[in-house]
C-alpha atoms as a PDB file:
ATOM      1  CA  MET A   1     -75.622  -5.773 -50.186  1.00  0.00           C
ATOM      2  CA  THR A   2     -77.176  -9.154 -49.655  1.00  0.00           C
ATOM      3  CA  LEU A   3     -78.155 -10.927 -52.783  1.00  0.00           C
ATOM      4  CA  ILE A   4     -79.744 -14.019 -51.283  1.00  0.00           C
ATOM      5  CA  THR A   5     -81.058 -15.314 -47.956  1.00  0.00           C
ATOM      6  CA  ARG A   6     -80.269 -18.621 -46.481  1.00  0.00           C
ATOM      7  CA  ASN A   7     -81.645 -21.043 -43.889  1.00  0.00           C
ATOM      8  CA  HIS A   8     -85.299 -20.457 -44.248  1.00  0.00           C
ATOM      9  CA  PRO A   9     -87.655 -23.127 -42.567  1.00  0.00           C
ATOM     10  CA  LYS A  10     -89.843 -24.994 -44.990  1.00  0.00           C
ATOM     11  CA  LEU A  11     -92.877 -27.115 -44.372  1.00  0.00           C
ATOM     12  CA  THR A  12     -92.488 -30.741 -45.101  1.00  0.00           C
ATOM     13  CA  LEU A  13     -95.155 -33.267 -46.153  1.00  0.00           C
ATOM     14  CA  ALA A  14     -94.822 -34.817 -42.646  1.00  0.00           C
ATOM     15  CA  GLY A  15     -95.334 -31.391 -41.002  1.00  0.00           C
ATOM     16  CA  ALA A  16     -98.316 -30.652 -43.294  1.00  0.00           C
ATOM     17  CA  ARG A  17     -99.882 -34.017 -42.295  1.00  0.00           C
ATOM     18  CA  ALA A  18     -99.193 -33.289 -38.548  1.00  0.00           C
ATOM     19  CA  VAL A  19    -101.055 -30.013 -38.885  1.00  0.00           C
ATOM     20  CA  LEU A  20    -104.026 -31.661 -40.753  1.00  0.00           C
ATOM     21  CA  GLU A  21    -104.186 -34.429 -38.216  1.00  0.00           C
ATOM     22  CA  ALA A  22    -104.263 -32.077 -35.246  1.00  0.00           C
ATOM     23  CA  ALA A  23    -107.045 -30.001 -36.842  1.00  0.00           C
ATOM     24  CA  GLU A  24    -109.062 -33.169 -37.580  1.00  0.00           C
ATOM     25  CA  ARG A  25    -108.656 -34.253 -33.941  1.00  0.00           C
ATOM     26  CA  ARG A  26    -110.037 -30.922 -32.735  1.00  0.00           C
ATOM     27  CA  ALA A  27    -112.881 -31.216 -35.281  1.00  0.00           C
ATOM     28  CA  GLU A  28    -113.790 -34.659 -33.878  1.00  0.00           C
ATOM     29  CA  GLU A  29    -113.753 -33.374 -30.336  1.00  0.00           C
ATOM     30  CA  ILE A  30    -116.098 -30.598 -31.129  1.00  0.00           C
ATOM     31  CA  ARG A  31    -118.137 -32.977 -33.176  1.00  0.00           C
ATOM     32  CA  VAL A  32    -118.072 -30.884 -36.425  1.00  0.00           C
ATOM     33  CA  PRO A  33    -117.081 -32.554 -39.817  1.00  0.00           C
ATOM     34  CA  LEU A  34    -114.830 -30.012 -41.512  1.00  0.00           C
ATOM     35  CA  VAL A  35    -112.829 -29.529 -44.833  1.00  0.00           C
ATOM     36  CA  LEU A  36    -109.227 -28.909 -44.047  1.00  0.00           C
ATOM     37  CA  ALA A  37    -106.540 -27.624 -46.383  1.00  0.00           C
ATOM     38  CA  VAL A  38    -102.892 -27.066 -45.632  1.00  0.00           C
ATOM     39  CA  VAL A  39    -100.807 -25.021 -48.065  1.00  0.00           C
ATOM     40  CA  ASP A  40     -97.064 -24.020 -48.252  1.00  0.00           C
ATOM     41  CA  ASP A  41     -95.802 -20.484 -48.018  1.00  0.00           C
ATOM     42  CA  GLY A  42     -96.764 -19.616 -51.524  1.00  0.00           C
ATOM     43  CA  GLY A  43    -100.362 -20.802 -51.104  1.00  0.00           C
ATOM     44  CA  HIS A  44    -100.051 -24.033 -53.113  1.00  0.00           C
ATOM     45  CA  LEU A  45    -102.065 -26.929 -51.778  1.00  0.00           C
ATOM     46  CA  PHE A  46     -99.994 -29.465 -49.759  1.00  0.00           C
ATOM     47  CA  VAL A  47    -102.582 -31.811 -48.149  1.00  0.00           C
ATOM     48  CA  PHE A  48    -106.490 -31.756 -48.087  1.00  0.00           C
ATOM     49  CA  GLU A  49    -109.155 -33.653 -46.379  1.00  0.00           C
ATOM     50  CA  ARG A  50    -112.958 -33.492 -46.361  1.00  0.00           C
ATOM     51  CA  MET A  51    -114.212 -35.284 -43.306  1.00  0.00           C
ATOM     52  CA  ASP A  52    -117.148 -37.663 -43.683  1.00  0.00           C
ATOM     53  CA  GLY A  53    -120.284 -35.466 -43.589  1.00  0.00           C
ATOM     54  CA  ALA A  54    -118.582 -32.217 -44.307  1.00  0.00           C
ATOM     55  CA  LYS A  55    -120.324 -30.097 -46.974  1.00  0.00           C
ATOM     56  CA  PRO A  56    -118.775 -30.254 -50.402  1.00  0.00           C
ATOM     57  CA  SER A  57    -119.528 -26.523 -50.827  1.00  0.00           C
ATOM     58  CA  SER A  58    -116.819 -25.864 -48.239  1.00  0.00           C
ATOM     59  CA  ILE A  59    -114.077 -27.426 -50.361  1.00  0.00           C
ATOM     60  CA  ALA A  60    -113.107 -24.227 -52.205  1.00  0.00           C
ATOM     61  CA  ILE A  61    -113.602 -22.053 -49.057  1.00  0.00           C
ATOM     62  CA  ALA A  62    -111.114 -24.014 -46.938  1.00  0.00           C
ATOM     63  CA  ILE A  63    -108.437 -23.749 -49.754  1.00  0.00           C
ATOM     64  CA  VAL A  64    -108.998 -20.117 -50.141  1.00  0.00           C
ATOM     65  CA  LYS A  65    -108.856 -19.540 -46.419  1.00  0.00           C
ATOM     66  CA  ALA A  66    -105.483 -21.367 -46.406  1.00  0.00           C
ATOM     67  CA  GLN A  67    -104.110 -19.439 -49.388  1.00  0.00           C
ATOM     68  CA  ALA A  68    -105.221 -16.116 -48.007  1.00  0.00           C
ATOM     69  CA  ALA A  69    -103.487 -16.788 -44.670  1.00  0.00           C
ATOM     70  CA  ALA A  70    -100.261 -17.825 -46.369  1.00  0.00           C
ATOM     71  CA  LEU A  71    -100.184 -15.080 -48.827  1.00  0.00           C
ATOM     72  CA  ARG A  72    -101.091 -12.341 -46.436  1.00  0.00           C
ATOM     73  CA  ARG A  73     -98.981 -13.822 -43.667  1.00  0.00           C
ATOM     74  CA  ALA A  74    -101.945 -13.191 -41.331  1.00  0.00           C
ATOM     75  CA  PRO A  75    -105.099 -15.052 -40.040  1.00  0.00           C
ATOM     76  CA  THR A  76    -108.193 -14.620 -42.291  1.00  0.00           C
ATOM     77  CA  GLY A  77    -111.195 -12.654 -41.068  1.00  0.00           C
ATOM     78  CA  PRO A  78    -112.538  -9.024 -41.210  1.00  0.00           C
ATOM     79  CA  VAL A  79    -110.053  -6.085 -41.348  1.00  0.00           C
ATOM     80  CA  MET A  80    -110.241  -4.402 -38.006  1.00  0.00           C
ATOM     81  CA  THR A  81    -110.513  -0.625 -37.559  1.00  0.00           C
ATOM     82  CA  SER A  82    -109.763  -0.232 -33.782  1.00  0.00           C
ATOM     83  CA  ASP A  83    -112.143  -2.631 -32.204  1.00  0.00           C
ATOM     84  CA  GLN A  84    -114.798  -2.805 -35.054  1.00  0.00           C
ATOM     85  CA  PRO A  85    -114.595  -4.808 -38.261  1.00  0.00           C
ATOM     86  CA  ASN A  86    -114.272  -2.625 -41.369  1.00  0.00           C
ATOM     87  CA  LEU A  87    -116.592  -4.542 -43.531  1.00  0.00           C
ATOM     88  CA  SER A  88    -116.182  -2.313 -46.691  1.00  0.00           C
ATOM     89  CA  VAL A  89    -112.389  -2.954 -46.552  1.00  0.00           C
ATOM     90  CA  SER A  90    -112.793  -6.658 -45.753  1.00  0.00           C
ATOM     91  CA  PHE A  91    -115.192  -7.367 -48.622  1.00  0.00           C
ATOM     92  CA  GLY A  92    -113.362  -5.128 -50.880  1.00  0.00           C
ATOM     93  CA  LEU A  93    -110.154  -7.164 -50.283  1.00  0.00           C
ATOM     94  CA  ALA A  94    -111.954 -10.452 -51.124  1.00  0.00           C
ATOM     95  CA  ILE A  95    -113.607  -9.086 -54.232  1.00  0.00           C
ATOM     96  CA  ALA A  96    -110.938  -6.852 -55.635  1.00  0.00           C
ATOM     97  CA  ASN A  97    -107.912  -9.122 -55.087  1.00  0.00           C
ATOM     98  CA  HIS A  98    -107.175 -11.922 -57.547  1.00  0.00           C
ATOM     99  CA  LEU A  99    -104.844 -13.650 -55.010  1.00  0.00           C
ATOM    100  CA  GLN A 100    -107.636 -15.618 -53.370  1.00  0.00           C
ATOM    101  CA  GLN A 101    -108.582 -13.425 -50.369  1.00  0.00           C
ATOM    102  CA  THR A 102    -111.414 -13.847 -47.940  1.00  0.00           C
ATOM    103  CA  PRO A 103    -112.941 -11.974 -45.003  1.00  0.00           C
ATOM    104  CA  LEU A 104    -114.091 -15.277 -43.370  1.00  0.00           C
ATOM    105  CA  ARG A 105    -112.304 -16.508 -40.337  1.00  0.00           C
ATOM    106  CA  GLY A 106    -110.757 -19.903 -40.331  1.00  0.00           C
ATOM    107  CA  GLY A 107    -107.418 -19.517 -42.168  1.00  0.00           C
ATOM    108  CA  VAL A 108    -104.351 -19.430 -39.860  1.00  0.00           C
ATOM    109  CA  PRO A 109    -100.680 -19.056 -40.929  1.00  0.00           C
ATOM    110  CA  LEU A 110     -98.182 -21.691 -39.839  1.00  0.00           C
ATOM    111  CA  VAL A 111     -95.292 -19.883 -38.251  1.00  0.00           C
ATOM    112  CA  VAL A 112     -91.864 -21.477 -37.402  1.00  0.00           C
ATOM    113  CA  ASP A 113     -88.983 -19.342 -36.068  1.00  0.00           C
ATOM    114  CA  GLY A 114     -90.903 -16.267 -36.867  1.00  0.00           C
ATOM    115  CA  GLN A 115     -91.473 -17.021 -40.492  1.00  0.00           C
ATOM    116  CA  VAL A 116     -94.479 -18.262 -42.257  1.00  0.00           C
ATOM    117  CA  VAL A 117     -94.039 -21.698 -43.748  1.00  0.00           C
ATOM    118  CA  GLY A 118     -97.583 -22.266 -44.884  1.00  0.00           C
ATOM    119  CA  ALA A 119    -101.200 -21.970 -43.535  1.00  0.00           C
ATOM    120  CA  ILE A 120    -104.246 -24.046 -42.717  1.00  0.00           C
ATOM    121  CA  GLY A 121    -107.693 -23.356 -43.766  1.00  0.00           C
ATOM    122  CA  ALA A 122    -110.879 -24.955 -42.247  1.00  0.00           C
ATOM    123  CA  SER A 123    -114.501 -24.726 -43.381  1.00  0.00           C
ATOM    124  CA  ALA A 124    -117.904 -26.355 -42.988  1.00  0.00           C
ATOM    125  CA  GLY A 125    -118.582 -25.246 -39.388  1.00  0.00           C
ATOM    126  CA  THR A 126    -119.298 -21.893 -37.925  1.00  0.00           C
ATOM    127  CA  GLU A 127    -116.437 -19.403 -38.274  1.00  0.00           C
ATOM    128  CA  ASP A 128    -115.668 -20.060 -34.559  1.00  0.00           C
ATOM    129  CA  GLN A 129    -115.504 -23.773 -35.045  1.00  0.00           C
ATOM    130  CA  ASP A 130    -113.432 -23.348 -38.194  1.00  0.00           C
ATOM    131  CA  LEU A 131    -111.060 -21.050 -36.418  1.00  0.00           C
ATOM    132  CA  ASP A 132    -110.801 -23.377 -33.424  1.00  0.00           C
ATOM    133  CA  ALA A 133    -109.777 -26.387 -35.486  1.00  0.00           C
ATOM    134  CA  ALA A 134    -107.317 -24.323 -37.632  1.00  0.00           C
ATOM    135  CA  ARG A 135    -105.648 -22.882 -34.546  1.00  0.00           C
ATOM    136  CA  ALA A 136    -105.408 -26.536 -33.171  1.00  0.00           C
ATOM    137  CA  GLY A 137    -103.649 -27.541 -36.495  1.00  0.00           C
ATOM    138  CA  ALA A 138    -101.337 -24.681 -36.407  1.00  0.00           C
ATOM    139  CA  ALA A 139    -100.426 -25.501 -32.693  1.00  0.00           C
ATOM    140  CA  ALA A 140     -98.957 -28.868 -33.998  1.00  0.00           C
ATOM    141  CA  LEU A 141     -95.885 -26.997 -35.276  1.00  0.00           C
ATOM    142  CA  GLU A 142     -95.366 -24.967 -32.044  1.00  0.00           C
ATOM    143  CA  ARG A 143     -94.098 -28.264 -30.433  1.00  0.00           C
ATOM    144  CA  VAL A 144     -91.187 -28.730 -32.931  1.00  0.00           C
END
């Protein structure tokens, strides 16, 4: 019987900053000021940025997207039933769960060696723009 596990990758401050910077570069490329949040694997805020011109109302949304992706170990967005979104389940998850869940796209887990080490959430653009920037941020860790 194994009582503990060892050698789990952990996100560092430098890694969190690299993720945020890559997402910011993508946001600048697509010309959309975003709010970006990077959390650790437990959903705790690591680094945060509101780009000039990004809506203040998107601050909480970006953080919740990051937390939801980290805690669920999956990208945020609607729950899919075959090829169709199951909106009743998606919104039920967001409303009924006290663990900061959302059916909005734009939260992406950060995966290293097959393990989730954190997540990034992006908000203030369209869901497609948010997801694009978040994926660009997550890709920063694929090169290490």
